[in-house]
């Protein structure tokens, strides 16, 4: 039986989990938890995760957050835009 466990934890825990968790599912859960986090808290962590992540689904989640219009001016400074617009 699977159960989803939710409890409030500091955003810094999610950032650390995103960057350091050994299992992809743990990193993915941390990325999902950061969706509504303040931009200054998550921006650098998402960029670092993008550079280090190899799983396509994780990279898709990170890209969707970094390229989201709600990122404002931060969105314009991401290396992901080059990746997305690359035709190769």
C-alpha atoms as a PDB file:
ATOM      1  CA  UNK A   1       0.000   0.000   0.000  1.00  0.00           C
ATOM      2  CA  UNK A   2       1.305   3.436  -0.928  1.00  0.00           C
ATOM      3  CA  UNK A   3       0.530   6.525   1.069  1.00  0.00           C
ATOM      4  CA  UNK A   4       1.472  10.106   0.427  1.00  0.00           C
ATOM      5  CA  UNK A   5       2.949  11.676   3.536  1.00  0.00           C
ATOM      6  CA  UNK A   6       2.854  15.445   3.776  1.00  0.00           C
ATOM      7  CA  UNK A   7       4.214  17.632   6.527  1.00  0.00           C
ATOM      8  CA  UNK A   8       5.513  21.163   6.685  1.00  0.00           C
ATOM      9  CA  UNK A   9       9.252  21.465   6.507  1.00  0.00           C
ATOM     10  CA  UNK A  10      11.596  24.350   5.825  1.00  0.00           C
ATOM     11  CA  UNK A  11      12.266  25.142   2.170  1.00  0.00           C
ATOM     12  CA  UNK A  12      15.968  24.680   2.812  1.00  0.00           C
ATOM     13  CA  UNK A  13      15.264  20.983   3.361  1.00  0.00           C
ATOM     14  CA  UNK A  14      13.694  20.716  -0.079  1.00  0.00           C
ATOM     15  CA  UNK A  15      16.627  22.552  -1.625  1.00  0.00           C
ATOM     16  CA  UNK A  16      19.102  20.188   0.038  1.00  0.00           C
ATOM     17  CA  UNK A  17      17.012  17.177  -0.975  1.00  0.00           C
ATOM     18  CA  UNK A  18      16.872  18.389  -4.580  1.00  0.00           C
ATOM     19  CA  UNK A  19      20.632  18.780  -4.729  1.00  0.00           C
ATOM     20  CA  UNK A  20      21.814  15.859  -2.604  1.00  0.00           C
ATOM     21  CA  UNK A  21      19.264  13.035  -2.584  1.00  0.00           C
ATOM     22  CA  UNK A  22      20.575   9.796  -3.981  1.00  0.00           C
ATOM     23  CA  UNK A  23      17.239   8.586  -5.357  1.00  0.00           C
ATOM     24  CA  UNK A  24      15.594  10.317  -8.303  1.00  0.00           C
ATOM     25  CA  UNK A  25      12.120  10.086  -6.757  1.00  0.00           C
ATOM     26  CA  UNK A  26      13.321  11.956  -3.687  1.00  0.00           C
ATOM     27  CA  UNK A  27      14.836  14.675  -5.873  1.00  0.00           C
ATOM     28  CA  UNK A  28      11.628  14.846  -7.916  1.00  0.00           C
ATOM     29  CA  UNK A  29       9.478  15.244  -4.797  1.00  0.00           C
ATOM     30  CA  UNK A  30      11.740  18.076  -3.647  1.00  0.00           C
ATOM     31  CA  UNK A  31      11.444  19.786  -7.044  1.00  0.00           C
ATOM     32  CA  UNK A  32       7.652  19.517  -6.925  1.00  0.00           C
ATOM     33  CA  UNK A  33       7.644  20.942  -3.396  1.00  0.00           C
ATOM     34  CA  UNK A  34       9.602  23.954  -4.667  1.00  0.00           C
ATOM     35  CA  UNK A  35       6.999  24.871  -7.308  1.00  0.00           C
ATOM     36  CA  UNK A  36       5.400  27.492  -5.054  1.00  0.00           C
ATOM     37  CA  UNK A  37       8.565  28.552  -3.243  1.00  0.00           C
ATOM     38  CA  UNK A  38       9.777  32.137  -3.529  1.00  0.00           C
ATOM     39  CA  UNK A  39      11.952  32.614  -6.590  1.00  0.00           C
ATOM     40  CA  UNK A  40      15.108  33.742  -4.748  1.00  0.00           C
ATOM     41  CA  UNK A  41      14.968  30.569  -2.635  1.00  0.00           C
ATOM     42  CA  UNK A  42      14.708  28.127  -5.521  1.00  0.00           C
ATOM     43  CA  UNK A  43      16.427  29.783  -8.504  1.00  0.00           C
ATOM     44  CA  UNK A  44      20.061  28.848  -7.799  1.00  0.00           C
ATOM     45  CA  UNK A  45      19.081  25.366  -6.624  1.00  0.00           C
ATOM     46  CA  UNK A  46      17.119  24.712  -9.813  1.00  0.00           C
ATOM     47  CA  UNK A  47      20.024  25.884 -11.986  1.00  0.00           C
ATOM     48  CA  UNK A  48      22.451  23.656 -10.099  1.00  0.00           C
ATOM     49  CA  UNK A  49      20.052  20.726 -10.330  1.00  0.00           C
ATOM     50  CA  UNK A  50      19.652  21.330 -14.075  1.00  0.00           C
ATOM     51  CA  UNK A  51      23.420  21.138 -14.574  1.00  0.00           C
ATOM     52  CA  UNK A  52      23.778  17.922 -12.568  1.00  0.00           C
ATOM     53  CA  UNK A  53      20.584  16.023 -13.383  1.00  0.00           C
ATOM     54  CA  UNK A  54      20.554  13.202 -15.939  1.00  0.00           C
ATOM     55  CA  UNK A  55      16.959  11.926 -15.726  1.00  0.00           C
ATOM     56  CA  UNK A  56      14.809  13.422 -18.510  1.00  0.00           C
ATOM     57  CA  UNK A  57      11.689  13.702 -16.321  1.00  0.00           C
ATOM     58  CA  UNK A  58      13.623  15.593 -13.667  1.00  0.00           C
ATOM     59  CA  UNK A  59      15.105  17.928 -16.258  1.00  0.00           C
ATOM     60  CA  UNK A  60      11.588  18.517 -17.612  1.00  0.00           C
ATOM     61  CA  UNK A  61      10.306  19.477 -14.141  1.00  0.00           C
ATOM     62  CA  UNK A  62      13.262  21.803 -13.569  1.00  0.00           C
ATOM     63  CA  UNK A  63      12.869  23.387 -17.008  1.00  0.00           C
ATOM     64  CA  UNK A  64       9.134  23.888 -16.516  1.00  0.00           C
ATOM     65  CA  UNK A  65       9.825  25.831 -13.342  1.00  0.00           C
ATOM     66  CA  UNK A  66      12.717  27.879 -14.692  1.00  0.00           C
ATOM     67  CA  UNK A  67      10.885  28.783 -17.903  1.00  0.00           C
ATOM     68  CA  UNK A  68       7.589  29.556 -16.183  1.00  0.00           C
ATOM     69  CA  UNK A  69       6.461  33.160 -16.832  1.00  0.00           C
ATOM     70  CA  UNK A  70       6.104  33.661 -13.071  1.00  0.00           C
ATOM     71  CA  UNK A  71       9.918  33.591 -12.862  1.00  0.00           C
ATOM     72  CA  UNK A  72       9.940  37.094 -14.353  1.00  0.00           C
ATOM     73  CA  UNK A  73      13.405  38.469 -15.048  1.00  0.00           C
ATOM     74  CA  UNK A  74      15.035  35.336 -13.609  1.00  0.00           C
ATOM     75  CA  UNK A  75      13.574  33.411 -16.547  1.00  0.00           C
ATOM     76  CA  UNK A  76      15.615  35.467 -19.004  1.00  0.00           C
ATOM     77  CA  UNK A  77      18.917  34.463 -17.398  1.00  0.00           C
ATOM     78  CA  UNK A  78      18.670  30.691 -17.645  1.00  0.00           C
ATOM     79  CA  UNK A  79      20.939  28.527 -19.803  1.00  0.00           C
ATOM     80  CA  UNK A  80      17.898  26.328 -20.426  1.00  0.00           C
ATOM     81  CA  UNK A  81      16.580  28.698 -23.054  1.00  0.00           C
ATOM     82  CA  UNK A  82      19.610  27.879 -25.198  1.00  0.00           C
ATOM     83  CA  UNK A  83      18.943  24.169 -24.695  1.00  0.00           C
ATOM     84  CA  UNK A  84      15.256  24.469 -25.586  1.00  0.00           C
ATOM     85  CA  UNK A  85      15.870  26.579 -28.691  1.00  0.00           C
ATOM     86  CA  UNK A  86      18.736  24.362 -29.944  1.00  0.00           C
ATOM     87  CA  UNK A  87      17.573  22.600 -33.126  1.00  0.00           C
ATOM     88  CA  UNK A  88      20.146  19.780 -32.860  1.00  0.00           C
END
